[in-house]
Amino acid sequence: QVQLVESGGGLVQAGGSLRLSCAASGRTFSSYAMGWFRQAPGKEREFVAAISRSGGSIYYADSVKGRFTISRDNAKNTVYLQMNSLKPEDTAVYYCAARTFGVTTRLEYDYWGQGTQVTVSS
């Protein structure tokens, strides 16, 4: 099992930046593909970005491509989401997730964090 704890959320003005972190427990972090998802009030949870176990494969939702960057540090058991040029429509609770078998853009992840709130003001 792995436990995930997100941090780095907050309130930022449009055009600003935030970096989210997701720290994982356990010694097998490198065996999990990792993803970031978000859920805005009244909306379904949606894919944001994902990274394979080695970091060699990365995927982004079209809505964040060119603005967000996912990365991971397997030595620190941490995955990051650098968010630049933030827009009010990026406002949501952001969740990180871990998957045992391969990276995917779908919601089919095995473990989820508790989420961190990101609010972008106009």
C-alpha atoms as a PDB file:
ATOM      1  CA  GLN A   1       0.000   0.000   0.000  1.00  0.00           C
ATOM      2  CA  VAL A   2       0.968   3.629  -0.390  1.00  0.00           C
ATOM      3  CA  GLN A   3      -0.304   6.725   1.323  1.00  0.00           C
ATOM      4  CA  LEU A   4      -0.341  10.025  -0.541  1.00  0.00           C
ATOM      5  CA  VAL A   5      -0.301  13.520   0.965  1.00  0.00           C
ATOM      6  CA  GLU A   6      -0.696  16.582  -1.247  1.00  0.00           C
ATOM      7  CA  SER A   7       0.510  20.060  -0.354  1.00  0.00           C
ATOM      8  CA  GLY A   8       1.130  23.400  -2.005  1.00  0.00           C
ATOM      9  CA  GLY A   9      -2.396  24.506  -2.783  1.00  0.00           C
ATOM     10  CA  GLY A  10      -3.662  27.979  -2.034  1.00  0.00           C
ATOM     11  CA  LEU A  11      -5.108  31.186  -3.381  1.00  0.00           C
ATOM     12  CA  VAL A  12      -3.398  32.842  -6.335  1.00  0.00           C
ATOM     13  CA  GLN A  13      -4.286  35.545  -8.817  1.00  0.00           C
ATOM     14  CA  ALA A  14      -4.869  34.737 -12.467  1.00  0.00           C
ATOM     15  CA  GLY A  15      -1.557  34.492 -14.279  1.00  0.00           C
ATOM     16  CA  GLY A  16       0.246  33.335 -11.174  1.00  0.00           C
ATOM     17  CA  SER A  17       1.954  30.059 -10.352  1.00  0.00           C
ATOM     18  CA  LEU A  18       1.776  27.304  -7.775  1.00  0.00           C
ATOM     19  CA  ARG A  19       3.682  24.083  -7.290  1.00  0.00           C
ATOM     20  CA  LEU A  20       1.848  21.140  -5.840  1.00  0.00           C
ATOM     21  CA  SER A  21       3.707  18.306  -4.164  1.00  0.00           C
ATOM     22  CA  CYS A  22       2.530  14.809  -3.370  1.00  0.00           C
ATOM     23  CA  ALA A  23       4.585  12.838  -0.885  1.00  0.00           C
ATOM     24  CA  ALA A  24       4.197   9.072  -0.869  1.00  0.00           C
ATOM     25  CA  SER A  25       4.871   6.696   1.974  1.00  0.00           C
ATOM     26  CA  GLY A  26       6.678   3.416   1.550  1.00  0.00           C
ATOM     27  CA  ARG A  27       9.790   2.324  -0.232  1.00  0.00           C
ATOM     28  CA  THR A  28       8.240   1.298  -3.548  1.00  0.00           C
ATOM     29  CA  PHE A  29       7.287   4.699  -4.934  1.00  0.00           C
ATOM     30  CA  SER A  30       9.225   4.073  -8.115  1.00  0.00           C
ATOM     31  CA  SER A  31       6.965   1.123  -8.916  1.00  0.00           C
ATOM     32  CA  TYR A  32       3.874   3.342  -9.246  1.00  0.00           C
ATOM     33  CA  ALA A  33       2.708   5.445 -12.122  1.00  0.00           C
ATOM     34  CA  MET A  34       1.461   8.763 -10.766  1.00  0.00           C
ATOM     35  CA  GLY A  35      -1.303  11.083 -11.817  1.00  0.00           C
ATOM     36  CA  TRP A  36      -2.837  14.423 -10.928  1.00  0.00           C
ATOM     37  CA  PHE A  37      -6.574  14.948 -11.167  1.00  0.00           C
ATOM     38  CA  ARG A  38      -8.866  17.798 -10.180  1.00  0.00           C
ATOM     39  CA  GLN A  39     -12.479  18.293  -9.251  1.00  0.00           C
ATOM     40  CA  ALA A  40     -14.295  21.595  -9.357  1.00  0.00           C
ATOM     41  CA  PRO A  41     -17.555  22.158  -7.444  1.00  0.00           C
ATOM     42  CA  GLY A  42     -20.448  20.489  -9.199  1.00  0.00           C
ATOM     43  CA  LYS A  43     -18.206  18.809 -11.746  1.00  0.00           C
ATOM     44  CA  GLU A  44     -16.759  15.363 -12.188  1.00  0.00           C
ATOM     45  CA  ARG A  45     -13.169  14.583 -11.328  1.00  0.00           C
ATOM     46  CA  GLU A  46     -10.987  15.046 -14.380  1.00  0.00           C
ATOM     47  CA  PHE A  47      -7.525  14.100 -15.525  1.00  0.00           C
ATOM     48  CA  VAL A  48      -4.790  16.748 -15.394  1.00  0.00           C
ATOM     49  CA  ALA A  49      -1.413  15.055 -15.865  1.00  0.00           C
ATOM     50  CA  ALA A  50       0.273  11.683 -15.475  1.00  0.00           C
ATOM     51  CA  ILE A  51       3.799  10.327 -15.402  1.00  0.00           C
ATOM     52  CA  SER A  52       5.117   6.812 -15.781  1.00  0.00           C
ATOM     53  CA  ARG A  53       7.196   5.013 -13.183  1.00  0.00           C
ATOM     54  CA  SER A  54      10.495   6.060 -14.722  1.00  0.00           C
ATOM     55  CA  GLY A  55       9.287   9.474 -15.806  1.00  0.00           C
ATOM     56  CA  GLY A  56       9.841   8.564 -19.424  1.00  0.00           C
ATOM     57  CA  SER A  57       6.184   8.921 -20.433  1.00  0.00           C
ATOM     58  CA  ILE A  58       4.166  12.019 -19.578  1.00  0.00           C
ATOM     59  CA  TYR A  59       0.623  12.994 -20.500  1.00  0.00           C
ATOM     60  CA  TYR A  60      -1.384  16.192 -20.077  1.00  0.00           C
ATOM     61  CA  ALA A  61      -4.964  17.220 -20.487  1.00  0.00           C
ATOM     62  CA  ASP A  62      -5.367  19.605 -23.401  1.00  0.00           C
ATOM     63  CA  SER A  63      -6.630  22.293 -21.020  1.00  0.00           C
ATOM     64  CA  VAL A  64      -3.306  22.448 -19.153  1.00  0.00           C
ATOM     65  CA  LYS A  65      -0.808  21.562 -21.874  1.00  0.00           C
ATOM     66  CA  GLY A  66       1.928  24.169 -22.091  1.00  0.00           C
ATOM     67  CA  ARG A  67       1.071  25.614 -18.665  1.00  0.00           C
ATOM     68  CA  PHE A  68       1.472  22.690 -16.250  1.00  0.00           C
ATOM     69  CA  THR A  69       4.458  20.397 -15.790  1.00  0.00           C
ATOM     70  CA  ILE A  70       4.428  17.082 -13.958  1.00  0.00           C
ATOM     71  CA  SER A  71       7.642  15.613 -12.596  1.00  0.00           C
ATOM     72  CA  ARG A  72       8.749  13.082 -10.046  1.00  0.00           C
ATOM     73  CA  ASP A  73      11.719  12.486  -7.779  1.00  0.00           C
ATOM     74  CA  ASN A  74      11.836   8.802  -6.936  1.00  0.00           C
ATOM     75  CA  ALA A  75      14.599   9.359  -4.394  1.00  0.00           C
ATOM     76  CA  LYS A  76      12.285  11.681  -2.461  1.00  0.00           C
ATOM     77  CA  ASN A  77       9.092   9.651  -3.040  1.00  0.00           C
ATOM     78  CA  THR A  78       7.463  12.791  -4.401  1.00  0.00           C
ATOM     79  CA  VAL A  79       5.578  13.843  -7.503  1.00  0.00           C
ATOM     80  CA  TYR A  80       5.144  17.498  -8.411  1.00  0.00           C
ATOM     81  CA  LEU A  81       2.781  19.586 -10.474  1.00  0.00           C
ATOM     82  CA  GLN A  82       4.146  22.968 -11.495  1.00  0.00           C
ATOM     83  CA  MET A  83       1.243  25.172 -12.536  1.00  0.00           C
ATOM     84  CA  ASN A  84       1.948  28.395 -14.419  1.00  0.00           C
ATOM     85  CA  SER A  85      -0.299  30.956 -16.083  1.00  0.00           C
ATOM     86  CA  LEU A  86      -3.141  29.902 -13.854  1.00  0.00           C
ATOM     87  CA  LYS A  87      -6.695  30.719 -14.876  1.00  0.00           C
ATOM     88  CA  PRO A  88      -9.880  30.989 -12.799  1.00  0.00           C
ATOM     89  CA  GLU A  89     -11.118  27.809 -14.475  1.00  0.00           C
ATOM     90  CA  ASP A  90      -8.199  25.938 -12.890  1.00  0.00           C
ATOM     91  CA  THR A  91      -9.904  26.396  -9.521  1.00  0.00           C
ATOM     92  CA  ALA A  92     -10.519  22.944  -8.056  1.00  0.00           C
ATOM     93  CA  VAL A  93      -9.425  20.428  -5.479  1.00  0.00           C
ATOM     94  CA  TYR A  94      -6.336  18.722  -6.866  1.00  0.00           C
ATOM     95  CA  TYR A  95      -5.678  15.060  -6.105  1.00  0.00           C
ATOM     96  CA  CYS A  96      -2.649  12.929  -6.706  1.00  0.00           C
ATOM     97  CA  ALA A  97      -3.030   9.242  -7.368  1.00  0.00           C
ATOM     98  CA  ALA A  98      -0.851   6.153  -7.697  1.00  0.00           C
ATOM     99  CA  ARG A  99      -1.328   3.221 -10.018  1.00  0.00           C
ATOM    100  CA  THR A 100       0.354  -0.152  -9.868  1.00  0.00           C
ATOM    101  CA  PHE A 101       0.037  -1.184 -13.497  1.00  0.00           C
ATOM    102  CA  GLY A 102       1.142   1.401 -16.004  1.00  0.00           C
ATOM    103  CA  VAL A 103       0.307   5.038 -16.518  1.00  0.00           C
ATOM    104  CA  THR A 104      -3.143   6.044 -17.699  1.00  0.00           C
ATOM    105  CA  THR A 105      -5.187   9.185 -18.184  1.00  0.00           C
ATOM    106  CA  ARG A 106      -8.301   7.472 -16.872  1.00  0.00           C
ATOM    107  CA  LEU A 107      -9.487   7.532 -13.257  1.00  0.00           C
ATOM    108  CA  GLU A 108      -8.364   3.931 -12.743  1.00  0.00           C
ATOM    109  CA  TYR A 109      -5.798   4.576 -10.038  1.00  0.00           C
ATOM    110  CA  ASP A 110      -5.355   2.407  -6.970  1.00  0.00           C
ATOM    111  CA  TYR A 111      -4.528   5.014  -4.321  1.00  0.00           C
ATOM    112  CA  TRP A 112      -5.624   8.608  -3.845  1.00  0.00           C
ATOM    113  CA  GLY A 113      -4.573  11.496  -1.665  1.00  0.00           C
ATOM    114  CA  GLN A 114      -6.962  13.678   0.291  1.00  0.00           C
ATOM    115  CA  GLY A 115      -6.654  16.604  -2.092  1.00  0.00           C
ATOM    116  CA  THR A 116      -5.456  20.187  -1.880  1.00  0.00           C
ATOM    117  CA  GLN A 117      -7.512  23.250  -2.790  1.00  0.00           C
ATOM    118  CA  VAL A 118      -6.342  25.559  -5.553  1.00  0.00           C
ATOM    119  CA  THR A 119      -8.250  28.801  -6.003  1.00  0.00           C
ATOM    120  CA  VAL A 120      -7.445  31.210  -8.823  1.00  0.00           C
ATOM    121  CA  SER A 121      -8.966  34.657  -8.548  1.00  0.00           C
ATOM    122  CA  SER A 122      -9.692  36.832 -11.578  1.00  0.00           C
END
